[in-house]
Every structure is written in C-alpha cells, then in structure tokens.
PDB file of N, CA and C in Angstrom:
ATOM      1  N   MET A   1     -18.441 137.954  84.030  1.00  0.00           N
ATOM      2  CA  MET A   1     -17.159 137.416  84.389  1.00  0.00           C
ATOM      3  C   MET A   1     -16.506 138.347  85.398  1.00  0.00           C
ATOM      4  N   ALA A   2     -16.007 137.787  86.504  1.00  0.00           N
ATOM      5  CA  ALA A   2     -15.405 138.583  87.576  1.00  0.00           C
ATOM      6  C   ALA A   2     -13.990 138.982  87.199  1.00  0.00           C
ATOM      7  N   ASN A   3     -13.594 140.114  87.696  1.00  0.00           N
ATOM      8  CA  ASN A   3     -12.253 140.607  87.409  1.00  0.00           C
ATOM      9  C   ASN A   3     -11.289 140.030  88.438  1.00  0.00           C
ATOM     10  N   ASN A   4     -10.318 139.194  87.983  1.00  0.00           N
ATOM     11  CA  ASN A   4      -9.350 138.560  88.878  1.00  0.00           C
ATOM     12  C   ASN A   4      -8.160 139.461  89.168  1.00  0.00           C
ATOM     13  N   ASN A   5      -8.113 140.598  88.559  1.00  0.00           N
ATOM     14  CA  ASN A   5      -6.959 141.469  88.700  1.00  0.00           C
ATOM     15  C   ASN A   5      -7.162 142.548  89.763  1.00  0.00           C
ATOM     16  N   LYS A   6      -8.159 142.403  90.607  1.00  0.00           N
ATOM     17  CA  LYS A   6      -8.402 143.395  91.649  1.00  0.00           C
ATOM     18  C   LYS A   6      -7.263 143.359  92.659  1.00  0.00           C
ATOM     19  N   LYS A   7      -6.900 144.524  93.124  1.00  0.00           N
ATOM     20  CA  LYS A   7      -5.813 144.617  94.088  1.00  0.00           C
ATOM     21  C   LYS A   7      -6.376 144.439  95.492  1.00  0.00           C
ATOM     22  N   LYS A   8      -5.849 143.455  96.211  1.00  0.00           N
ATOM     23  CA  LYS A   8      -6.269 143.229  97.592  1.00  0.00           C
ATOM     24  C   LYS A   8      -5.442 144.140  98.487  1.00  0.00           C
ATOM     25  N   SER A   9      -6.000 144.524  99.620  1.00  0.00           N
ATOM     26  CA  SER A   9      -5.267 145.410 100.522  1.00  0.00           C
ATOM     27  C   SER A   9      -4.075 144.657 101.104  1.00  0.00           C
ATOM     28  N   GLY A  10      -2.897 145.266 101.002  1.00  0.00           N
ATOM     29  CA  GLY A  10      -1.694 144.686 101.567  1.00  0.00           C
ATOM     30  C   GLY A  10      -1.031 143.656 100.680  1.00  0.00           C
ATOM     31  N   SER A  11      -1.536 143.433  99.472  1.00  0.00           N
ATOM     32  CA  SER A  11      -0.891 142.455  98.592  1.00  0.00           C
ATOM     33  C   SER A  11      -0.574 143.106  97.265  1.00  0.00           C
ATOM     34  N   LYS A  12       0.308 142.476  96.516  1.00  0.00           N
ATOM     35  CA  LYS A  12       0.705 143.004  95.214  1.00  0.00           C
ATOM     36  C   LYS A  12      -0.361 142.649  94.184  1.00  0.00           C
ATOM     37  N   SER A  13      -0.472 143.448  93.137  1.00  0.00           N
ATOM     38  CA  SER A  13      -1.413 143.107  92.078  1.00  0.00           C
ATOM     39  C   SER A  13      -0.689 142.251  91.046  1.00  0.00           C
ATOM     40  N   TYR A  14      -1.364 141.238  90.551  1.00  0.00           N
ATOM     41  CA  TYR A  14      -0.806 140.323  89.570  1.00  0.00           C
ATOM     42  C   TYR A  14      -1.648 140.381  88.310  1.00  0.00           C
ATOM     43  N   LYS A  15      -1.030 140.049  87.171  1.00  0.00           N
ATOM     44  CA  LYS A  15      -1.717 140.185  85.901  1.00  0.00           C
ATOM     45  C   LYS A  15      -2.716 139.071  85.644  1.00  0.00           C
ATOM     46  N   GLY A  16      -2.378 137.860  86.033  1.00  0.00           N
ATOM     47  CA  GLY A  16      -3.263 136.751  85.717  1.00  0.00           C
ATOM     48  C   GLY A  16      -3.647 135.962  86.951  1.00  0.00           C
ATOM     49  N   SER A  17      -4.701 135.149  86.816  1.00  0.00           N
ATOM     50  CA  SER A  17      -5.161 134.378  87.965  1.00  0.00           C
ATOM     51  C   SER A  17      -4.158 133.298  88.336  1.00  0.00           C
ATOM     52  N   ALA A  18      -3.374 132.790  87.375  1.00  0.00           N
ATOM     53  CA  ALA A  18      -2.364 131.774  87.677  1.00  0.00           C
ATOM     54  C   ALA A  18      -1.289 132.360  88.583  1.00  0.00           C
ATOM     55  N   ASP A  19      -0.932 133.624  88.334  1.00  0.00           N
ATOM     56  CA  ASP A  19       0.066 134.287  89.176  1.00  0.00           C
ATOM     57  C   ASP A  19      -0.461 134.472  90.594  1.00  0.00           C
ATOM     58  N   VAL A  20      -1.746 134.771  90.724  1.00  0.00           N
ATOM     59  CA  VAL A  20      -2.342 134.952  92.040  1.00  0.00           C
ATOM     60  C   VAL A  20      -2.314 133.635  92.797  1.00  0.00           C
ATOM     61  N   LYS A  21      -2.647 132.539  92.109  1.00  0.00           N
ATOM     62  CA  LYS A  21      -2.627 131.227  92.763  1.00  0.00           C
ATOM     63  C   LYS A  21      -1.210 130.872  93.195  1.00  0.00           C
ATOM     64  N   LYS A  22      -0.220 131.127  92.343  1.00  0.00           N
ATOM     65  CA  LYS A  22       1.165 130.831  92.695  1.00  0.00           C
ATOM     66  C   LYS A  22       1.594 131.644  93.907  1.00  0.00           C
ATOM     67  N   ALA A  23       1.239 132.912  93.911  1.00  0.00           N
ATOM     68  CA  ALA A  23       1.627 133.788  95.010  1.00  0.00           C
ATOM     69  C   ALA A  23       0.970 133.347  96.310  1.00  0.00           C
ATOM     70  N   SER A  24      -0.310 132.987  96.249  1.00  0.00           N
ATOM     71  CA  SER A  24      -0.990 132.578  97.468  1.00  0.00           C
ATOM     72  C   SER A  24      -0.432 131.246  97.964  1.00  0.00           C
ATOM     73  N   ASN A  25      -0.077 130.327  97.058  1.00  0.00           N
ATOM     74  CA  ASN A  25       0.528 129.059  97.466  1.00  0.00           C
ATOM     75  C   ASN A  25       1.902 129.304  98.088  1.00  0.00           C
ATOM     76  N   TYR A  26       2.648 130.221  97.493  1.00  0.00           N
ATOM     77  CA  TYR A  26       3.972 130.541  98.020  1.00  0.00           C
ATOM     78  C   TYR A  26       3.859 131.127  99.420  1.00  0.00           C
ATOM     79  N   ASN A  27       2.929 132.071  99.606  1.00  0.00           N
ATOM     80  CA  ASN A  27       2.758 132.699 100.918  1.00  0.00           C
ATOM     81  C   ASN A  27       2.295 131.689 101.954  1.00  0.00           C
ATOM     82  N   ALA A  28       1.409 130.782 101.568  1.00  0.00           N
ATOM     83  CA  ALA A  28       0.926 129.765 102.500  1.00  0.00           C
ATOM     84  C   ALA A  28       2.060 128.826 102.883  1.00  0.00           C
ATOM     85  N   ALA A  29       2.885 128.429 101.915  1.00  0.00           N
ATOM     86  CA  ALA A  29       4.009 127.535 102.201  1.00  0.00           C
ATOM     87  C   ALA A  29       5.026 128.238 103.092  1.00  0.00           C
ATOM     88  N   LYS A  30       5.238 129.523 102.861  1.00  0.00           N
ATOM     89  CA  LYS A  30       6.191 130.281 103.665  1.00  0.00           C
ATOM     90  C   LYS A  30       5.711 130.381 105.113  1.00  0.00           C
ATOM     91  N   GLN A  31       4.419 130.587 105.307  1.00  0.00           N
ATOM     92  CA  GLN A  31       3.882 130.669 106.660  1.00  0.00           C
ATOM     93  C   GLN A  31       3.954 129.324 107.353  1.00  0.00           C
ATOM     94  N   LYS A  32       3.765 128.237 106.620  1.00  0.00           N
ATOM     95  CA  LYS A  32       3.865 126.904 107.210  1.00  0.00           C
ATOM     96  C   LYS A  32       5.273 126.636 107.709  1.00  0.00           C
ATOM     97  N   LYS A  33       6.264 127.037 106.916  1.00  0.00           N
ATOM     98  CA  LYS A  33       7.642 126.800 107.300  1.00  0.00           C
ATOM     99  C   LYS A  33       8.011 127.577 108.554  1.00  0.00           C
ATOM    100  N   GLN A  34       7.435 128.745 108.732  1.00  0.00           N
ATOM    101  CA  GLN A  34       7.784 129.575 109.869  1.00  0.00           C
ATOM    102  C   GLN A  34       7.204 129.052 111.166  1.00  0.00           C
ATOM    103  N   GLN A  35       6.081 128.327 111.094  1.00  0.00           N
ATOM    104  CA  GLN A  35       5.454 127.815 112.294  1.00  0.00           C
ATOM    105  C   GLN A  35       6.029 126.445 112.621  1.00  0.00           C
ATOM    106  N   PRO A  36       6.488 126.230 113.870  1.00  0.00           N
ATOM    107  CA  PRO A  36       7.026 124.922 114.226  1.00  0.00           C
ATOM    108  C   PRO A  36       5.922 123.869 114.230  1.00  0.00           C
ATOM    109  N   ARG A  37       6.282 122.704 113.806  1.00  0.00           N
ATOM    110  CA  ARG A  37       5.325 121.612 113.743  1.00  0.00           C
ATOM    111  C   ARG A  37       5.150 120.992 115.119  1.00  0.00           C
ATOM    112  N   GLN A  38       3.929 120.790 115.531  1.00  0.00           N
ATOM    113  CA  GLN A  38       3.668 120.181 116.828  1.00  0.00           C
ATOM    114  C   GLN A  38       2.944 118.864 116.628  1.00  0.00           C
ATOM    115  N   VAL A  39       3.462 117.848 117.290  1.00  0.00           N
ATOM    116  CA  VAL A  39       2.842 116.541 117.226  1.00  0.00           C
ATOM    117  C   VAL A  39       2.074 116.346 118.530  1.00  0.00           C
ATOM    118  N   SER A  40       0.816 115.950 118.419  1.00  0.00           N
ATOM    119  CA  SER A  40       0.003 115.813 119.621  1.00  0.00           C
ATOM    120  C   SER A  40       0.516 114.661 120.474  1.00  0.00           C
ATOM    121  N   GLY A  41       0.555 114.878 121.782  1.00  0.00           N
ATOM    122  CA  GLY A  41       0.959 113.837 122.715  1.00  0.00           C
ATOM    123  C   GLY A  41       2.457 113.785 122.960  1.00  0.00           C
ATOM    124  N   GLN A  42       3.243 114.543 122.244  1.00  0.00           N
ATOM    125  CA  GLN A  42       4.690 114.529 122.449  1.00  0.00           C
ATOM    126  C   GLN A  42       5.148 115.912 122.896  1.00  0.00           C
ATOM    127  N   LYS A  43       6.146 115.911 123.773  1.00  0.00           N
ATOM    128  CA  LYS A  43       6.714 117.169 124.238  1.00  0.00           C
ATOM    129  C   LYS A  43       7.723 117.672 123.221  1.00  0.00           C
ATOM    130  N   GLN A  44       7.856 118.969 123.169  1.00  0.00           N
ATOM    131  CA  GLN A  44       8.853 119.564 122.294  1.00  0.00           C
ATOM    132  C   GLN A  44      10.236 119.249 122.867  1.00  0.00           C
ATOM    133  N   PRO A  45      11.210 118.928 122.002  1.00  0.00           N
ATOM    134  CA  PRO A  45      12.554 118.646 122.512  1.00  0.00           C
ATOM    135  C   PRO A  45      13.169 119.902 123.110  1.00  0.00           C
ATOM    136  N   GLN A  46      13.831 119.725 124.252  1.00  0.00           N
ATOM    137  CA  GLN A  46      14.459 120.860 124.918  1.00  0.00           C
ATOM    138  C   GLN A  46      15.798 121.161 124.273  1.00  0.00           C
ATOM    139  N   LYS A  47      16.188 122.418 124.339  1.00  0.00           N
ATOM    140  CA  LYS A  47      17.471 122.806 123.795  1.00  0.00           C
ATOM    141  C   LYS A  47      18.574 122.206 124.654  1.00  0.00           C
ATOM    142  N   LYS A  48      19.701 121.883 123.989  1.00  0.00           N
ATOM    143  CA  LYS A  48      20.834 121.331 124.717  1.00  0.00           C
ATOM    144  C   LYS A  48      21.404 122.380 125.650  1.00  0.00           C
ATOM    145  N   LYS A  49      21.834 121.932 126.813  1.00  0.00           N
ATOM    146  CA  LYS A  49      22.484 122.832 127.738  1.00  0.00           C
ATOM    147  C   LYS A  49      23.894 123.106 127.251  1.00  0.00           C
ATOM    148  N   ARG A  50      24.356 124.272 127.549  1.00  0.00           N
ATOM    149  CA  ARG A  50      25.712 124.618 127.155  1.00  0.00           C
ATOM    150  C   ARG A  50      26.695 123.811 127.987  1.00  0.00           C
ATOM    151  N   GLY A  51      27.865 123.561 127.384  1.00  0.00           N
ATOM    152  CA  GLY A  51      28.896 122.796 128.074  1.00  0.00           C
ATOM    153  C   GLY A  51      29.479 123.580 129.224  1.00  0.00           C
ATOM    154  N   GLY A  52      30.140 122.866 130.105  1.00  0.00           N
ATOM    155  CA  GLY A  52      30.730 123.496 131.270  1.00  0.00           C
ATOM    156  C   GLY A  52      32.074 124.116 130.961  1.00  0.00           C
ATOM    157  N   ILE A  53      32.763 124.470 132.015  1.00  0.00           N
ATOM    158  CA  ILE A  53      34.059 125.129 131.894  1.00  0.00           C
ATOM    159  C   ILE A  53      35.087 124.191 131.270  1.00  0.00           C
ATOM    160  N   PHE A  54      34.953 122.900 131.519  1.00  0.00           N
ATOM    161  CA  PHE A  54      35.879 121.909 130.949  1.00  0.00           C
ATOM    162  C   PHE A  54      35.777 121.908 129.427  1.00  0.00           C
ATOM    163  N   ASN A  55      34.560 121.908 128.910  1.00  0.00           N
ATOM    164  CA  ASN A  55      34.369 121.923 127.457  1.00  0.00           C
ATOM    165  C   ASN A  55      34.863 123.229 126.836  1.00  0.00           C
ATOM    166  N   TYR A  56      34.729 124.312 127.567  1.00  0.00           N
ATOM    167  CA  TYR A  56      35.211 125.600 127.073  1.00  0.00           C
ATOM    168  C   TYR A  56      36.723 125.556 126.870  1.00  0.00           C
ATOM    169  N   PHE A  57      37.446 125.105 127.888  1.00  0.00           N
ATOM    170  CA  PHE A  57      38.901 125.066 127.774  1.00  0.00           C
ATOM    171  C   PHE A  57      39.368 124.005 126.786  1.00  0.00           C
ATOM    172  N   LYS A  58      38.585 122.958 126.623  1.00  0.00           N
ATOM    173  CA  LYS A  58      38.897 121.955 125.605  1.00  0.00           C
ATOM    174  C   LYS A  58      38.819 122.598 124.211  1.00  0.00           C
ATOM    175  N   GLY A  59      37.788 123.418 123.981  1.00  0.00           N
ATOM    176  CA  GLY A  59      37.641 124.126 122.711  1.00  0.00           C
ATOM    177  C   GLY A  59      38.751 125.130 122.499  1.00  0.00           C
ATOM    178  N   VAL A  60      39.146 125.822 123.561  1.00  0.00           N
ATOM    179  CA  VAL A  60      40.236 126.796 123.468  1.00  0.00           C
ATOM    180  C   VAL A  60      41.518 126.085 123.068  1.00  0.00           C
ATOM    181  N   ARG A  61      41.767 124.945 123.655  1.00  0.00           N
ATOM    182  CA  ARG A  61      42.979 124.176 123.343  1.00  0.00           C
ATOM    183  C   ARG A  61      42.979 123.727 121.878  1.00  0.00           C
ATOM    184  N   GLN A  62      41.826 123.296 121.393  1.00  0.00           N
ATOM    185  CA  GLN A  62      41.724 122.872 119.987  1.00  0.00           C
ATOM    186  C   GLN A  62      41.988 124.041 119.049  1.00  0.00           C
ATOM    187  N   GLU A  63      41.490 125.227 119.384  1.00  0.00           N
ATOM    188  CA  GLU A  63      41.712 126.399 118.540  1.00  0.00           C
ATOM    189  C   GLU A  63      43.180 126.818 118.552  1.00  0.00           C
ATOM    190  N   PHE A  64      43.845 126.699 119.707  1.00  0.00           N
ATOM    191  CA  PHE A  64      45.256 127.049 119.780  1.00  0.00           C
ATOM    192  C   PHE A  64      46.105 126.123 118.930  1.00  0.00           C
ATOM    193  N   LYS A  65      45.658 124.896 118.756  1.00  0.00           N
ATOM    194  CA  LYS A  65      46.394 123.961 117.903  1.00  0.00           C
ATOM    195  C   LYS A  65      46.318 124.371 116.434  1.00  0.00           C
ATOM    196  N   LYS A  66      45.283 125.103 116.046  1.00  0.00           N
ATOM    197  CA  LYS A  66      45.107 125.541 114.662  1.00  0.00           C
ATOM    198  C   LYS A  66      45.944 126.772 114.318  1.00  0.00           C
ATOM    199  N   VAL A  67      46.425 127.478 115.337  1.00  0.00           N
ATOM    200  CA  VAL A  67      47.169 128.715 115.118  1.00  0.00           C
ATOM    201  C   VAL A  67      48.540 128.387 114.535  1.00  0.00           C
ATOM    202  N   VAL A  68      48.939 129.169 113.534  1.00  0.00           N
ATOM    203  CA  VAL A  68      50.276 129.021 112.967  1.00  0.00           C
ATOM    204  C   VAL A  68      51.167 130.022 113.688  1.00  0.00           C
ATOM    205  N   TRP A  69      52.063 129.519 114.514  1.00  0.00           N
ATOM    206  CA  TRP A  69      52.907 130.373 115.334  1.00  0.00           C
ATOM    207  C   TRP A  69      54.152 130.783 114.563  1.00  0.00           C
ATOM    208  N   LEU A  70      54.678 131.960 114.866  1.00  0.00           N
ATOM    209  CA  LEU A  70      55.895 132.445 114.235  1.00  0.00           C
ATOM    210  C   LEU A  70      57.115 131.696 114.781  1.00  0.00           C
ATOM    211  N   THR A  71      58.130 131.577 113.938  1.00  0.00           N
ATOM    212  CA  THR A  71      59.394 131.022 114.417  1.00  0.00           C
ATOM    213  C   THR A  71      60.121 132.122 115.186  1.00  0.00           C
ATOM    214  N   ARG A  72      61.198 131.749 115.896  1.00  0.00           N
ATOM    215  CA  ARG A  72      61.951 132.724 116.678  1.00  0.00           C
ATOM    216  C   ARG A  72      62.573 133.786 115.752  1.00  0.00           C
ATOM    217  N   GLU A  73      63.044 133.373 114.594  1.00  0.00           N
ATOM    218  CA  GLU A  73      63.651 134.328 113.664  1.00  0.00           C
ATOM    219  C   GLU A  73      62.614 135.316 113.137  1.00  0.00           C
ATOM    220  N   GLU A  74      61.437 134.833 112.771  1.00  0.00           N
ATOM    221  CA  GLU A  74      60.375 135.718 112.281  1.00  0.00           C
ATOM    222  C   GLU A  74      59.939 136.693 113.362  1.00  0.00           C
ATOM    223  N   LEU A  75      59.833 136.205 114.590  1.00  0.00           N
ATOM    224  CA  LEU A  75      59.423 137.055 115.706  1.00  0.00           C
ATOM    225  C   LEU A  75      60.449 138.143 115.961  1.00  0.00           C
ATOM    226  N   THR A  76      61.730 137.781 115.929  1.00  0.00           N
ATOM    227  CA  THR A  76      62.796 138.756 116.147  1.00  0.00           C
ATOM    228  C   THR A  76      62.796 139.808 115.045  1.00  0.00           C
ATOM    229  N   THR A  77      62.678 139.365 113.803  1.00  0.00           N
ATOM    230  CA  THR A  77      62.674 140.293 112.669  1.00  0.00           C
ATOM    231  C   THR A  77      61.488 141.253 112.753  1.00  0.00           C
ATOM    232  N   ASP A  78      60.303 140.727 113.007  1.00  0.00           N
ATOM    233  CA  ASP A  78      59.106 141.570 113.089  1.00  0.00           C
ATOM    234  C   ASP A  78      59.206 142.566 114.246  1.00  0.00           C
ATOM    235  N   THR A  79      59.761 142.126 115.370  1.00  0.00           N
ATOM    236  CA  THR A  79      59.903 143.011 116.527  1.00  0.00           C
ATOM    237  C   THR A  79      60.851 144.158 116.212  1.00  0.00           C
ATOM    238  N   VAL A  80      61.969 143.869 115.564  1.00  0.00           N
ATOM    239  CA  VAL A  80      62.925 144.914 115.192  1.00  0.00           C
ATOM    240  C   VAL A  80      62.291 145.905 114.222  1.00  0.00           C
ATOM    241  N   VAL A  81      61.530 145.416 113.253  1.00  0.00           N
ATOM    242  CA  VAL A  81      60.870 146.295 112.287  1.00  0.00           C
ATOM    243  C   VAL A  81      59.878 147.211 112.997  1.00  0.00           C
ATOM    244  N   VAL A  82      59.105 146.681 113.926  1.00  0.00           N
ATOM    245  CA  VAL A  82      58.114 147.492 114.652  1.00  0.00           C
ATOM    246  C   VAL A  82      58.814 148.566 115.475  1.00  0.00           C
ATOM    247  N   ILE A  83      59.865 148.194 116.194  1.00  0.00           N
ATOM    248  CA  ILE A  83      60.583 149.173 117.017  1.00  0.00           C
ATOM    249  C   ILE A  83      61.209 150.256 116.141  1.00  0.00           C
ATOM    250  N   ALA A  84      61.764 149.872 114.994  1.00  0.00           N
ATOM    251  CA  ALA A  84      62.370 150.852 114.086  1.00  0.00           C
ATOM    252  C   ALA A  84      61.308 151.809 113.535  1.00  0.00           C
ATOM    253  N   CYS A  85      60.153 151.285 113.152  1.00  0.00           N
ATOM    254  CA  CYS A  85      59.075 152.154 112.629  1.00  0.00           C
ATOM    255  C   CYS A  85      58.578 153.119 113.695  1.00  0.00           C
ATOM    256  N   VAL A  86      58.424 152.649 114.913  1.00  0.00           N
ATOM    257  CA  VAL A  86      57.958 153.513 115.999  1.00  0.00           C
ATOM    258  C   VAL A  86      58.979 154.615 116.258  1.00  0.00           C
ATOM    259  N   ALA A  87      60.263 154.263 116.284  1.00  0.00           N
ATOM    260  CA  ALA A  87      61.308 155.268 116.514  1.00  0.00           C
ATOM    261  C   ALA A  87      61.332 156.288 115.376  1.00  0.00           C
ATOM    262  N   PHE A  88      61.221 155.825 114.134  1.00  0.00           N
ATOM    263  CA  PHE A  88      61.231 156.730 112.981  1.00  0.00           C
ATOM    264  C   PHE A  88      60.080 157.724 113.046  1.00  0.00           C
ATOM    265  N   PHE A  89      58.861 157.235 113.278  1.00  0.00           N
ATOM    266  CA  PHE A  89      57.701 158.128 113.297  1.00  0.00           C
ATOM    267  C   PHE A  89      57.718 159.045 114.520  1.00  0.00           C
ATOM    268  N   ALA A  90      58.235 158.572 115.654  1.00  0.00           N
ATOM    269  CA  ALA A  90      58.354 159.446 116.826  1.00  0.00           C
ATOM    270  C   ALA A  90      59.292 160.608 116.521  1.00  0.00           C
ATOM    271  N   LEU A  91      60.431 160.311 115.893  1.00  0.00           N
ATOM    272  CA  LEU A  91      61.382 161.354 115.526  1.00  0.00           C
ATOM    273  C   LEU A  91      60.775 162.312 114.495  1.00  0.00           C
ATOM    274  N   ALA A  92      60.063 161.763 113.504  1.00  0.00           N
ATOM    275  CA  ALA A  92      59.449 162.593 112.467  1.00  0.00           C
ATOM    276  C   ALA A  92      58.407 163.537 113.066  1.00  0.00           C
ATOM    277  N   PHE A  93      57.549 163.032 113.941  1.00  0.00           N
ATOM    278  CA  PHE A  93      56.519 163.889 114.544  1.00  0.00           C
ATOM    279  C   PHE A  93      57.145 164.930 115.467  1.00  0.00           C
ATOM    280  N   TRP A  94      58.234 164.561 116.166  1.00  0.00           N
ATOM    281  CA  TRP A  94      58.910 165.525 117.037  1.00  0.00           C
ATOM    282  C   TRP A  94      59.498 166.668 116.209  1.00  0.00           C
ATOM    283  N   LEU A  95      60.116 166.317 115.073  1.00  0.00           N
ATOM    284  CA  LEU A  95      60.690 167.347 114.203  1.00  0.00           C
ATOM    285  C   LEU A  95      59.604 168.257 113.624  1.00  0.00           C
ATOM    286  N   ILE A  96      58.503 167.682 113.180  1.00  0.00           N
ATOM    287  CA  ILE A  96      57.388 168.484 112.636  1.00  0.00           C
ATOM    288  C   ILE A  96      56.826 169.404 113.710  1.00  0.00           C
ATOM    289  N   ASP A  97      56.633 168.884 114.912  1.00  0.00           N
ATOM    290  CA  ASP A  97      56.087 169.677 116.010  1.00  0.00           C
ATOM    291  C   ASP A  97      57.035 170.818 116.373  1.00  0.00           C
ATOM    292  N   THR A  98      58.323 170.518 116.431  1.00  0.00           N
ATOM    293  CA  THR A  98      59.314 171.556 116.740  1.00  0.00           C
ATOM    294  C   THR A  98      59.325 172.629 115.655  1.00  0.00           C
ATOM    295  N   GLY A  99      59.202 172.207 114.399  1.00  0.00           N
ATOM    296  CA  GLY A  99      59.166 173.172 113.293  1.00  0.00           C
ATOM    297  C   GLY A  99      57.957 174.084 113.371  1.00  0.00           C
ATOM    298  N   PHE A 100      56.781 173.534 113.650  1.00  0.00           N
ATOM    299  CA  PHE A 100      55.575 174.365 113.777  1.00  0.00           C
ATOM    300  C   PHE A 100      55.689 175.319 114.963  1.00  0.00           C
ATOM    301  N   LEU A 101      56.260 174.839 116.060  1.00  0.00           N
ATOM    302  CA  LEU A 101      56.400 175.691 117.235  1.00  0.00           C
ATOM    303  C   LEU A 101      57.338 176.863 116.933  1.00  0.00           C
ATOM    304  N   ALA A 102      58.448 176.574 116.233  1.00  0.00           N
ATOM    305  CA  ALA A 102      59.380 177.646 115.870  1.00  0.00           C
ATOM    306  C   ALA A 102      58.713 178.640 114.923  1.00  0.00           C
ATOM    307  N   ALA A 103      57.903 178.145 113.982  1.00  0.00           N
ATOM    308  CA  ALA A 103      57.202 179.026 113.047  1.00  0.00           C
ATOM    309  C   ALA A 103      56.198 179.909 113.778  1.00  0.00           C
ATOM    310  N   LEU A 104      55.459 179.348 114.718  1.00  0.00           N
ATOM    311  CA  LEU A 104      54.487 180.142 115.482  1.00  0.00           C
ATOM    312  C   LEU A 104      55.182 181.196 116.346  1.00  0.00           C
ATOM    313  N   LYS A 105      56.306 180.826 116.940  1.00  0.00           N
ATOM    314  CA  LYS A 105      57.046 181.804 117.752  1.00  0.00           C
ATOM    315  C   LYS A 105      57.530 182.960 116.877  1.00  0.00           C
ATOM    316  N   GLY A 106      57.995 182.624 115.674  1.00  0.00           N
ATOM    317  CA  GLY A 106      58.490 183.677 114.779  1.00  0.00           C
ATOM    318  C   GLY A 106      57.375 184.553 114.249  1.00  0.00           C
ATOM    319  N   ILE A 107      56.223 183.959 113.890  1.00  0.00           N
ATOM    320  CA  ILE A 107      55.126 184.722 113.299  1.00  0.00           C
ATOM    321  C   ILE A 107      54.396 185.543 114.366  1.00  0.00           C
ATOM    322  N   LEU A 108      54.047 184.920 115.460  1.00  0.00           N
ATOM    323  CA  LEU A 108      53.217 185.592 116.471  1.00  0.00           C
ATOM    324  C   LEU A 108      54.034 186.277 117.555  1.00  0.00           C
ATOM    325  N   GLY A 109      55.316 185.930 117.647  1.00  0.00           N
ATOM    326  CA  GLY A 109      56.149 186.553 118.645  1.00  0.00           C
ATOM    327  C   GLY A 109      55.811 186.119 120.058  1.00  0.00           C
ATOM    328  N   ILE A 110      55.400 184.889 120.229  1.00  0.00           N
ATOM    329  CA  ILE A 110      55.046 184.392 121.572  1.00  0.00           C
ATOM    330  C   ILE A 110      56.221 183.619 122.148  1.00  0.00           C
ATOM    331  N   THR A 111      56.219 183.515 123.460  1.00  0.00           N
ATOM    332  CA  THR A 111      57.230 182.709 124.139  1.00  0.00           C
ATOM    333  C   THR A 111      56.521 181.724 125.046  1.00  0.00           C
ATOM    334  N   LEU A 112      57.075 180.549 125.153  1.00  0.00           N
ATOM    335  CA  LEU A 112      56.514 179.527 126.038  1.00  0.00           C
ATOM    336  C   LEU A 112      57.470 179.323 127.196  1.00  0.00           C
ATOM    337  N   SER A 113      56.935 179.284 128.408  1.00  0.00           N
ATOM    338  CA  SER A 113      57.799 179.116 129.562  1.00  0.00           C
ATOM    339  C   SER A 113      57.786 177.702 130.042  1.00  0.00           C
TER     340      SER A 113
END
C-alpha cells in the first residue's frame, strides 16, 4: 500500500487522501478563475474609453450637490472660533518664547543685538 501522506515539494502535507483531493481541486479551481476564459472565433471585449472633459465636470457637479454646505451663521461662528484660537496660541507661544529667552539671558549672561 502506497503512502498518501508524502510531502510534495512546494505543497502542504495533509493527513488523509481526501484532504489532498480537496486541496488539489481547490487549487485547480483557483487557477481556472484566475485565467480569463477565451472563446474561439470571438475577439476579447475592449475596455471602455474614459469619458471626456464634459463627463468629468458633470461628475464634479453631481458631487457638489451631495455636499452639505454651512449656513452663514455657522460659517461666521466657526471663523470667529478659528481666529480666536489662532490669536490665543500665538500669544501663548510668544509668552513662552519670551520667558525662555529671559531665562537664558539670566543664566548664561548673553545679550542679543
């Protein structure tokens, strides 16, 4: 009786012959799916050409219709919040920088011209 559990080069070892048959059927089916089917006497269908500039702008217009735009009040409020945050952090970083510069001048005794 031949040993069905021999390991083939490049393949996994399986415990039983039924598992080997399943694996080989699976691999064969997978390879079939990867290869495109060709029918004799017929040309392969060509890929569709991309749309022109008109279709591009038509798509852009459709996407802009999906955008939820802010109201004037929301825009004003958000703009004020952004400007206030930028001013706050600019002032905070300026104060921190000035403090470090004063500390370095005091510790090292340097002067900046």
